[in-house]
Amino acid sequence: DQSIITGDFNFRSEPENEVCEPIENSHIDCWTQLYPEDTGYTFDSRTNSFSDLIYKRQGRSGYQSRFDRIYIHSEVWKAKDIDIVGNEPIGTYPVPESANGGNYNLFLSDHYGLLAKFEPVESVK
């Protein structure tokens, strides 16, 4: 069996790793495999003004999480590289009630995306 599981897991109330434990028992987390010392936040209201605006309206600010993940289970393929994408603003948008004069950076989403590249395992059994 081979599989790739990818998506927005949107953890909310439980610690992230407890929610993913059943997946991680059979799959490899591509981000932590390639970048074990990097947090890999895909939701970062400290750097994404769109997500910050959403959380400020809920009375919170500065929230960071690795909601989005890519897992692989394969004897034939392995993760070669993984990047966070969509983490650069594409423009600005007006927010009249904001304290900074009404303009926020516009991002594609309140989450950043992931782009992974895979390569064959060198010695396929």
Protein backbone atom coordinates (compact mmCIF):
# COMPACT_ATOMS: atom_id res chain seq x y z
CA ASP A 1 0.00 0.00 0.00
CA GLN A 2 1.10 3.52 -0.82
CA SER A 3 -0.62 6.75 0.05
CA ILE A 4 -0.19 10.48 0.44
CA ILE A 5 -2.40 12.36 2.87
CA THR A 6 -2.42 16.12 2.49
CA GLY A 7 -4.61 18.91 3.69
CA ASP A 8 -5.74 21.46 6.19
CA PHE A 9 -6.22 19.54 9.43
CA ASN A 10 -7.49 22.65 11.31
CA PHE A 11 -6.55 21.55 14.81
CA ARG A 12 -8.45 23.52 17.39
CA SER A 13 -8.80 22.11 20.87
CA GLU A 14 -6.34 19.24 21.09
CA PRO A 15 -2.57 19.39 20.84
CA GLU A 16 -1.68 18.97 17.19
CA ASN A 17 0.54 15.95 17.50
CA GLU A 18 -2.05 13.96 19.49
CA VAL A 19 -4.58 14.43 16.67
CA CYS A 20 -2.05 13.26 14.09
CA GLU A 21 -0.66 10.33 16.07
CA PRO A 22 -2.78 7.67 14.26
CA ILE A 23 -1.55 9.00 10.89
CA GLU A 24 2.04 9.27 12.06
CA ASN A 25 2.03 5.64 13.18
CA SER A 26 1.86 4.62 9.52
CA HIS A 27 2.95 7.71 7.53
CA ILE A 28 5.94 10.06 7.49
CA ASP A 29 5.36 13.77 8.06
CA CYS A 30 7.28 15.28 5.14
CA TRP A 31 7.94 18.61 6.89
CA THR A 32 9.41 17.18 10.08
CA GLN A 33 11.40 14.61 8.13
CA LEU A 34 13.12 17.28 6.02
CA TYR A 35 13.15 20.19 8.49
CA PRO A 36 13.05 18.77 12.03
CA GLU A 37 14.17 22.04 13.66
CA ASP A 38 11.78 24.33 11.72
CA THR A 39 8.28 25.05 13.04
CA GLY A 40 6.80 25.15 9.52
CA TYR A 41 3.85 27.32 10.51
CA THR A 42 1.23 27.37 7.77
CA PHE A 43 -1.08 29.53 9.85
CA ASP A 44 0.78 32.50 11.25
CA SER A 45 -1.12 35.55 12.37
CA ARG A 46 2.19 37.25 13.20
CA THR A 47 3.23 37.29 9.52
CA ASN A 48 -0.12 37.00 7.69
CA SER A 49 -2.21 40.11 8.25
CA PHE A 50 -5.29 38.35 6.82
CA SER A 51 -5.21 35.67 9.51
CA ASP A 52 -4.29 38.27 12.11
CA LEU A 53 -7.38 40.31 11.24
CA ILE A 54 -9.59 37.23 11.63
CA TYR A 55 -8.11 36.40 15.04
CA LYS A 56 -8.19 40.00 16.28
CA ARG A 57 -11.92 40.08 15.56
CA GLN A 58 -12.19 37.02 17.82
CA GLY A 59 -10.22 38.81 20.54
CA ARG A 60 -6.98 36.88 19.94
CA SER A 61 -3.74 37.74 18.20
CA GLY A 62 -0.38 36.18 17.43
CA TYR A 63 -1.63 32.61 16.88
CA GLN A 64 0.68 30.22 15.01
CA SER A 65 0.18 26.60 13.99
CA ARG A 66 1.16 23.98 11.45
CA PHE A 67 -2.44 23.20 10.41
CA ASP A 68 -1.48 22.06 6.92
CA ARG A 69 0.56 18.90 6.40
CA ILE A 70 1.68 16.34 3.86
CA TYR A 71 2.16 12.73 4.93
CA ILE A 72 3.51 9.86 2.83
CA HIS A 73 3.45 6.09 3.24
CA SER A 74 5.53 4.42 0.53
CA GLU A 75 8.43 2.06 -0.02
CA VAL A 76 8.91 3.45 -3.54
CA TRP A 77 8.73 7.25 -3.04
CA LYS A 78 10.20 9.65 -0.49
CA ALA A 79 9.97 13.37 0.08
CA LYS A 80 12.75 15.26 -1.66
CA ASP A 81 11.74 18.80 -0.76
CA ILE A 82 8.85 20.73 0.77
CA ASP A 83 8.22 24.46 0.73
CA ILE A 84 5.73 26.86 2.23
CA VAL A 85 4.00 28.76 -0.58
CA GLY A 86 1.59 31.69 -0.65
CA ASN A 87 3.46 33.41 2.16
CA GLU A 88 4.09 36.61 0.24
CA PRO A 89 1.42 39.32 0.00
CA ILE A 90 -0.19 39.84 -3.40
CA GLY A 91 -1.45 43.37 -2.67
CA THR A 92 -3.29 45.34 -0.02
CA TYR A 93 -6.92 45.66 0.99
CA PRO A 94 -8.79 48.27 3.02
CA VAL A 95 -9.99 47.54 6.54
CA PRO A 96 -11.66 50.71 7.84
CA GLU A 97 -11.69 49.68 11.50
CA SER A 98 -7.97 48.86 11.57
CA ALA A 99 -5.59 50.87 13.72
CA ASN A 100 -2.92 51.08 11.03
CA GLY A 101 -4.76 53.47 8.74
CA GLY A 102 -7.00 51.01 6.96
CA ASN A 103 -4.73 48.86 4.79
CA TYR A 104 -3.61 45.29 5.33
CA ASN A 105 -1.42 43.08 3.18
CA LEU A 106 -3.51 40.74 1.07
CA PHE A 107 -2.54 37.06 1.07
CA LEU A 108 -4.08 34.24 -0.98
CA SER A 109 -5.52 32.71 2.19
CA ASP A 110 -5.38 32.88 5.96
CA HIS A 111 -3.23 29.72 5.64
CA TYR A 112 -0.02 29.27 3.70
CA GLY A 113 0.17 26.29 1.37
CA LEU A 114 2.66 23.46 1.03
CA LEU A 115 4.39 22.27 -2.12
CA ALA A 116 6.23 18.95 -1.92
CA LYS A 117 8.47 17.18 -4.40
CA PHE A 118 9.01 13.44 -4.26
CA GLU A 119 11.68 11.17 -5.68
CA PRO A 120 12.12 7.42 -5.99
CA VAL A 121 13.72 5.61 -3.09
CA GLU A 122 17.21 4.55 -4.20
CA SER A 123 16.88 0.86 -3.41
CA VAL A 124 13.35 -0.30 -4.15
CA LYS A 125 12.68 -3.70 -2.64
